């Protein structure tokens, strides 16, 4: 009897534990009573009636990404391309999601392919390759409107890859290569131009510096010559002043004149200029002799 009671108690505990349901955050549980939808449990602690109620569907309310396989589409100018898409969606109504459609992801994929064919079919190849954002917006709006009855909100659709036919890809690669070479040539030319400008500016600065150096050198030389000339003139002025202050006699001046004439006669000159007043010269010589005689007597 004790064993039976223990088994019964354990069974009751297990049953009570199974009646307690905890819904995690960002999730919703669809609950049915006797096979009929009863309610939707949000995150938190809930109790269910055993054998009568059951959790029919556990639904995640987080944003999900569905990556679909490439789909063949034909443009308005009859070019077949392969385009694969990524759809970002989020469940906002767990009841509609559970009972609105049997396979929601597959339904979204089929709807996305149909919508993509309709949009691309109204555009040319060039428009398709250059209007990716426009295509994304149009697909997103169309899918979001169609999936409302399934409890699904399509947040955005991204064209993951657009693959044109092989011959078009080759032509595009050639064009891209030509564009790259053109840009490289332009950049090279710009670089050479900038280098030439830099060299010219450097040569200009160098020439200016050289001219400035020559100018400064000439200024210093001129200042030196002027200073030398001023020094000579000052020396001569000082000599004249000293002579004037000494008050030399006529005899001394005559003697200095003779010494000067003697130096001139000893020079390399082929001509000698003699004063025309010979009497004065003779008188000068006599005075010199008297001075010389008086010196010898002493």
Protein backbone atom coordinates (compact mmCIF):
# COMPACT_ATOMS: atom_id res chain seq x y z
CA UNK A 1 0.00 0.00 0.00
CA UNK A 2 2.86 2.42 0.81
CA UNK A 3 4.48 1.67 -2.54
CA UNK A 4 1.24 2.35 -4.37
CA UNK A 5 0.80 5.62 -2.52
CA UNK A 6 4.37 6.65 -3.34
CA UNK A 7 3.85 5.86 -7.01
CA UNK A 8 0.58 7.77 -7.00
CA UNK A 9 2.23 10.77 -5.32
CA UNK A 10 5.05 10.82 -7.86
CA UNK A 11 2.54 10.64 -10.71
CA UNK A 12 0.60 13.54 -9.25
CA UNK A 13 3.80 15.60 -8.92
CA UNK A 14 4.75 14.86 -12.49
CA UNK A 15 1.28 15.81 -13.65
CA UNK A 16 1.43 19.07 -11.72
CA UNK A 17 4.85 19.88 -13.16
CA UNK A 18 3.55 19.20 -16.67
CA UNK A 19 0.72 21.61 -16.03
CA UNK A 20 3.21 24.43 -15.47
CA UNK A 21 4.36 26.04 -18.74
CA UNK A 22 7.02 28.75 -18.97
CA UNK A 23 7.08 30.76 -22.20
CA UNK A 24 10.57 32.21 -22.96
CA UNK A 25 11.13 35.81 -23.94
CA UNK A 26 10.41 36.71 -27.61
CA UNK A 27 8.24 33.61 -28.00
CA UNK A 28 4.52 32.84 -28.10
CA UNK A 29 2.68 29.54 -27.54
CA UNK A 30 -0.55 28.75 -29.37
CA UNK A 31 -2.81 26.77 -26.99
CA UNK A 32 -5.67 24.51 -28.08
CA UNK A 33 -8.46 23.03 -25.95
CA UNK A 34 -9.75 19.73 -27.25
CA UNK A 35 -8.30 20.51 -30.67
CA UNK A 36 -9.77 24.02 -30.90
CA UNK A 37 -7.77 27.23 -30.61
CA UNK A 38 -8.15 28.72 -27.14
CA UNK A 39 -5.52 31.43 -26.59
CA UNK A 40 -1.96 32.60 -27.21
CA UNK A 41 0.42 32.66 -24.28
CA UNK A 42 3.01 35.44 -24.12
CA UNK A 43 6.33 35.24 -22.26
CA UNK A 44 5.94 34.22 -18.62
CA UNK A 45 4.45 31.47 -16.38
CA UNK A 46 1.19 29.75 -17.39
CA UNK A 47 -0.94 26.80 -16.17
CA UNK A 48 -2.73 24.41 -18.49
CA UNK A 49 -5.44 21.92 -17.87
CA UNK A 50 -4.04 18.41 -18.21
CA UNK A 51 -5.47 16.13 -20.90
CA UNK A 52 -7.67 18.96 -22.16
CA UNK A 53 -5.31 21.75 -23.20
CA UNK A 54 -2.11 21.44 -25.14
CA UNK A 55 0.49 23.71 -26.70
CA UNK A 56 -0.20 23.34 -30.41
CA UNK A 57 2.54 25.65 -31.77
CA UNK A 58 5.63 27.32 -30.39
CA UNK A 59 6.30 30.49 -32.40
CA UNK A 60 9.40 32.68 -32.31
CA UNK A 61 8.72 36.41 -32.47
CA UNK A 62 12.32 37.30 -33.37
CA UNK A 63 13.28 38.63 -36.78
CA UNK A 64 14.42 35.85 -39.08
CA UNK A 65 16.21 35.73 -42.42
CA UNK A 66 15.20 33.34 -45.18
CA UNK A 67 17.86 32.88 -47.86
CA UNK A 68 16.24 31.55 -51.04
CA UNK A 69 17.86 29.82 -53.99
CA UNK A 70 18.53 31.78 -57.23
CA UNK A 71 15.44 32.21 -59.38
CA UNK A 72 15.49 32.60 -63.21
CA UNK A 73 13.86 35.87 -64.31
CA UNK A 74 13.46 37.46 -67.72
CA UNK A 75 13.84 41.20 -68.27
CA UNK A 76 11.74 43.29 -70.62
CA UNK A 77 14.46 43.06 -73.30
CA UNK A 78 14.43 39.22 -73.10
CA UNK A 79 17.57 38.69 -71.05
CA UNK A 80 17.44 35.76 -68.62
CA UNK A 81 19.16 36.30 -65.29
CA UNK A 82 19.55 34.38 -62.06
CA UNK A 83 18.63 36.37 -58.94
CA UNK A 84 18.64 35.12 -55.36
CA UNK A 85 17.02 37.03 -52.54
CA UNK A 86 17.13 37.24 -48.76
CA UNK A 87 13.87 38.03 -46.95
CA UNK A 88 13.90 39.41 -43.41
CA UNK A 89 10.56 38.81 -41.69
CA UNK A 90 9.03 38.72 -38.23
CA UNK A 91 5.90 37.07 -36.82
CA UNK A 92 3.54 39.56 -35.21
CA UNK A 93 0.48 37.26 -34.76
CA UNK A 94 1.14 33.70 -33.60
CA UNK A 95 -2.45 32.56 -34.25
CA UNK A 96 -2.43 33.70 -37.91
CA UNK A 97 1.05 32.24 -38.33
CA UNK A 98 -0.11 28.88 -36.95
CA UNK A 99 -3.40 28.63 -38.83
CA UNK A 100 -3.04 31.02 -41.77
CA UNK A 101 -0.66 29.00 -43.94
CA UNK A 102 0.66 25.48 -43.82
CA UNK A 103 4.32 26.15 -44.67
CA UNK A 104 5.05 29.83 -44.10
CA UNK A 105 8.69 29.85 -45.30
CA UNK A 106 7.86 28.01 -48.51
CA UNK A 107 4.91 30.30 -49.07
CA UNK A 108 7.13 33.36 -48.68
CA UNK A 109 9.68 31.88 -51.10
CA UNK A 110 7.04 31.21 -53.78
CA UNK A 111 5.50 34.63 -53.31
CA UNK A 112 8.92 36.28 -53.47
CA UNK A 113 9.79 34.50 -56.74
CA UNK A 114 6.48 35.49 -58.33
CA UNK A 115 6.79 39.12 -57.26
CA UNK A 116 10.41 39.26 -58.45
CA UNK A 117 9.46 37.97 -61.91
CA UNK A 118 6.70 40.57 -62.20
CA UNK A 119 9.01 43.44 -61.23
CA UNK A 120 12.01 42.39 -63.33
CA UNK A 121 9.75 41.66 -66.32
CA UNK A 122 8.85 45.35 -66.46
CA UNK A 123 12.49 46.50 -66.47
CA UNK A 124 15.39 46.32 -68.92
CA UNK A 125 18.76 44.76 -68.15
CA UNK A 126 20.42 48.11 -67.49
CA UNK A 127 17.58 49.20 -65.22
CA UNK A 128 17.81 45.93 -63.30
CA UNK A 129 21.54 46.29 -62.73
CA UNK A 130 21.31 49.94 -61.65
CA UNK A 131 18.01 49.88 -59.67
CA UNK A 132 18.74 47.39 -56.92
CA UNK A 133 17.34 49.65 -54.17
CA UNK A 134 14.16 50.28 -56.14
CA UNK A 135 13.62 46.56 -56.68
CA UNK A 136 14.20 45.84 -53.00
CA UNK A 137 11.64 48.45 -51.97
CA UNK A 138 8.99 47.21 -54.41
CA UNK A 139 9.40 43.56 -53.40
CA UNK A 140 9.31 44.47 -49.70
CA UNK A 141 6.08 46.44 -50.09
CA UNK A 142 4.41 43.70 -52.13
CA UNK A 143 5.41 40.85 -49.79
CA UNK A 144 4.51 42.80 -46.65
CA UNK A 145 1.02 43.42 -47.95
CA UNK A 146 0.49 39.79 -48.99
CA UNK A 147 1.81 38.21 -45.79
CA UNK A 148 -0.33 40.24 -43.37
CA UNK A 149 -3.01 37.53 -43.43
CA UNK A 150 -0.38 35.01 -42.31
CA UNK A 151 0.64 37.04 -39.26
CA UNK A 152 4.02 37.83 -40.86
CA UNK A 153 5.60 41.24 -41.37
CA UNK A 154 8.28 41.49 -44.06
CA UNK A 155 10.78 44.08 -42.84
CA UNK A 156 12.98 44.15 -45.94
CA UNK A 157 14.10 42.16 -48.97
CA UNK A 158 17.65 42.23 -50.32
CA UNK A 159 18.79 41.08 -53.76
CA UNK A 160 21.78 38.99 -52.78
CA UNK A 161 23.16 38.45 -56.26
CA UNK A 162 22.26 39.33 -59.85
CA UNK A 163 23.92 37.05 -62.38
CA UNK A 164 23.47 38.01 -66.06
CA UNK A 165 24.23 35.56 -68.93
CA UNK A 166 27.84 34.61 -69.62
CA UNK A 167 28.28 36.77 -72.73
CA UNK A 168 26.89 39.80 -70.92
CA UNK A 169 29.15 39.14 -67.94
CA UNK A 170 32.16 38.97 -70.27
CA UNK A 171 31.17 42.25 -71.93
CA UNK A 172 30.68 43.84 -68.51
CA UNK A 173 34.08 42.58 -67.36
CA UNK A 174 35.71 44.06 -70.47
CA UNK A 175 33.97 47.37 -69.86
CA UNK A 176 34.99 47.35 -66.21
CA UNK A 177 38.58 46.56 -67.20
CA UNK A 178 38.58 49.41 -69.71
CA UNK A 179 37.16 51.75 -67.06
CA UNK A 180 39.84 50.68 -64.58
CA UNK A 181 42.58 51.24 -67.15
CA UNK A 182 41.11 54.64 -67.98
CA UNK A 183 41.00 55.62 -64.33
CA UNK A 184 44.56 54.37 -63.88
CA UNK A 185 45.72 56.44 -66.87
CA UNK A 186 43.97 59.50 -65.51
CA UNK A 187 45.53 59.00 -62.09
CA UNK A 188 48.97 58.49 -63.67
CA UNK A 189 48.60 61.64 -65.75
CA UNK A 190 47.46 63.57 -62.71
CA UNK A 191 50.45 62.26 -60.78
CA UNK A 192 52.88 63.25 -63.52
CA UNK A 193 51.25 66.67 -63.77
CA UNK A 194 51.52 67.20 -60.03
CA UNK A 195 55.14 66.02 -60.07
CA UNK A 196 55.96 68.46 -62.90
CA UNK A 197 54.27 71.28 -60.98
CA UNK A 198 56.21 70.36 -57.86
CA UNK A 199 59.51 70.27 -59.78
CA UNK A 200 58.78 73.63 -61.42
CA UNK A 201 57.91 75.17 -58.08
CA UNK A 202 61.10 73.73 -56.60
CA UNK A 203 63.22 75.11 -59.45
CA UNK A 204 61.49 78.47 -59.08
CA UNK A 205 62.19 78.57 -55.36
CA UNK A 206 65.80 77.51 -55.98
CA UNK A 207 66.30 80.24 -58.59
CA UNK A 208 64.81 82.82 -56.23
CA UNK A 209 67.12 81.68 -53.46
CA UNK A 210 70.17 81.79 -55.76
CA UNK A 211 69.27 85.28 -56.99
CA UNK A 212 68.75 86.41 -53.41
CA UNK A 213 72.14 84.97 -52.46
CA UNK A 214 73.87 86.77 -55.36
CA UNK A 215 72.06 89.96 -54.43
CA UNK A 216 73.15 89.72 -50.81
CA UNK A 217 76.73 88.95 -51.87
CA UNK A 218 76.84 91.98 -54.14
CA UNK A 219 75.35 94.16 -51.42
CA UNK A 220 77.99 92.98 -48.98
CA UNK A 221 80.76 93.56 -51.55
CA UNK A 222 79.45 97.05 -52.28
CA UNK A 223 79.21 97.79 -48.59
CA UNK A 224 82.78 96.52 -48.15
CA UNK A 225 84.09 98.66 -51.01
CA UNK A 226 82.22 101.70 -49.67
CA UNK A 227 83.61 101.06 -46.21
CA UNK A 228 87.15 100.71 -47.62
CA UNK A 229 86.76 103.91 -49.62
CA UNK A 230 85.50 105.73 -46.56
CA UNK A 231 88.44 104.40 -44.57
CA UNK A 232 90.96 105.59 -47.20
CA UNK A 233 89.31 108.95 -47.45
CA UNK A 234 89.24 109.25 -43.68
CA UNK A 235 92.95 108.36 -43.53
CA UNK A 236 93.76 110.94 -46.16
CA UNK A 237 91.67 113.53 -44.34
CA UNK A 238 93.42 112.66 -41.09
CA UNK A 239 96.84 112.99 -42.81
CA UNK A 240 95.94 116.38 -44.25
CA UNK A 241 94.61 117.49 -40.89
CA UNK A 242 97.80 116.38 -39.16
CA UNK A 243 99.95 118.18 -41.74
CA UNK A 244 97.92 121.31 -41.31
CA UNK A 245 98.22 121.09 -37.56
CA UNK A 246 102.04 120.60 -37.84
CA UNK A 247 102.40 123.81 -39.97
CA UNK A 248 105.38 122.59 -42.08
CA UNK A 249 107.82 125.16 -43.49
CA UNK A 250 108.27 125.86 -47.19
CA UNK A 251 111.66 124.15 -47.11
CA UNK A 252 110.15 120.95 -45.72
CA UNK A 253 107.44 121.02 -48.34
CA UNK A 254 110.03 121.49 -51.07
CA UNK A 255 112.04 118.54 -49.69
CA UNK A 256 108.96 116.31 -49.75
CA UNK A 257 108.30 117.43 -53.31
CA UNK A 258 111.82 116.42 -54.34
CA UNK A 259 111.42 113.03 -52.72
CA UNK A 260 108.22 112.54 -54.61
CA UNK A 261 109.90 113.52 -57.90
CA UNK A 262 112.74 111.09 -57.14
CA UNK A 263 110.28 108.25 -56.70
CA UNK A 264 108.57 109.19 -59.92
CA UNK A 265 111.92 109.22 -61.75
CA UNK A 266 112.76 105.75 -60.45
CA UNK A 267 109.46 104.37 -61.75
CA UNK A 268 108.67 102.64 -65.02
CA UNK A 269 107.20 105.74 -66.63
CA UNK A 270 108.92 106.83 -69.87
CA UNK A 271 107.97 110.48 -69.44
CA UNK A 272 108.85 112.89 -66.61
CA UNK A 273 107.01 116.14 -66.18
CA UNK A 274 109.22 118.94 -64.79
CA UNK A 275 107.72 122.17 -63.43
CA UNK A 276 107.99 125.09 -65.85
CA UNK A 277 109.14 127.51 -63.14
CA UNK A 278 112.81 126.47 -62.96
CA UNK A 279 113.77 129.44 -60.76
CA UNK A 280 111.46 128.24 -58.08
CA UNK A 281 112.95 124.78 -58.46
CA UNK A 282 116.48 126.17 -58.10
CA UNK A 283 115.46 128.13 -55.07
CA UNK A 284 113.97 125.04 -53.64
CA UNK A 285 117.21 123.09 -54.23
CA UNK A 286 119.26 125.86 -52.59
CA UNK A 287 117.01 125.80 -49.57
CA UNK A 288 117.40 122.09 -49.34
CA UNK A 289 121.17 122.40 -49.48
CA UNK A 290 121.16 125.00 -46.71
CA UNK A 291 119.07 122.75 -44.56
CA UNK A 292 121.35 119.83 -45.27
CA UNK A 293 124.49 121.93 -44.52
CA UNK A 294 123.10 123.20 -41.28
CA UNK A 295 122.29 119.71 -40.20
CA UNK A 296 125.82 118.48 -40.98
CA UNK A 297 127.47 121.36 -39.03
CA UNK A 298 125.53 120.52 -35.94
